[in-house]
């Protein structure tokens, strides 16, 4: 079965104030590293600049 996913563009802004408020609520509820560890999960890995060959400014 195929999932229907809307065409989402990375880096797009919120379309209206309601969506902006919803995104803010989602960010308030993000779990930190300790909370993730309690559930035996890990946070997304940090992308280091030295791994990509980009010099720090």
Protein backbone atom coordinates (compact mmCIF):
# COMPACT_ATOMS: atom_id res chain seq x y z
CA UNK A 1 0.00 0.00 0.00
CA UNK A 2 1.40 3.38 -0.99
CA UNK A 3 1.40 6.27 1.47
CA UNK A 4 0.22 9.60 0.17
CA UNK A 5 2.67 12.22 1.38
CA UNK A 6 2.19 15.89 0.56
CA UNK A 7 4.97 17.62 -1.34
CA UNK A 8 6.99 19.14 1.50
CA UNK A 9 9.80 21.58 0.84
CA UNK A 10 12.68 21.71 3.31
CA UNK A 11 13.21 25.09 4.86
CA UNK A 12 9.70 26.32 4.20
CA UNK A 13 8.15 28.64 6.74
CA UNK A 14 4.91 28.20 8.63
CA UNK A 15 1.98 29.19 6.47
CA UNK A 16 -0.08 30.90 9.15
CA UNK A 17 -0.14 31.82 12.85
CA UNK A 18 -1.96 28.61 13.84
CA UNK A 19 0.75 26.46 12.28
CA UNK A 20 3.43 28.59 13.95
CA UNK A 21 1.81 28.10 17.36
CA UNK A 22 1.49 24.33 16.75
CA UNK A 23 5.19 24.11 15.87
CA UNK A 24 6.06 26.03 19.04
CA UNK A 25 4.06 23.57 21.15
CA UNK A 26 5.87 20.65 19.50
CA UNK A 27 9.23 22.22 20.32
CA UNK A 28 8.23 22.75 23.96
CA UNK A 29 7.62 19.01 24.29
CA UNK A 30 10.89 17.83 22.73
CA UNK A 31 12.73 15.48 25.05
CA UNK A 32 16.35 16.09 26.02
CA UNK A 33 19.14 13.51 26.14
CA UNK A 34 18.40 12.36 29.70
CA UNK A 35 14.72 11.82 28.97
CA UNK A 36 15.60 9.85 25.85
CA UNK A 37 18.11 7.74 27.81
CA UNK A 38 15.36 6.79 30.28
CA UNK A 39 13.45 5.25 27.36
CA UNK A 40 16.66 3.59 26.10
CA UNK A 41 16.75 5.83 23.04
CA UNK A 42 19.46 8.08 21.70
CA UNK A 43 19.25 11.59 20.31
CA UNK A 44 20.06 12.29 16.69
CA UNK A 45 23.82 12.30 16.21
CA UNK A 46 25.51 15.68 16.09
CA UNK A 47 26.95 16.38 12.67
CA UNK A 48 30.50 17.52 13.24
CA UNK A 49 32.03 20.04 10.89
CA UNK A 50 35.35 18.16 10.89
CA UNK A 51 33.63 15.05 9.48
CA UNK A 52 32.45 16.99 6.44
CA UNK A 53 35.76 18.72 5.82
CA UNK A 54 34.26 22.16 6.50
CA UNK A 55 36.55 24.47 8.41
CA UNK A 56 35.27 26.22 11.52
CA UNK A 57 35.08 29.99 11.24
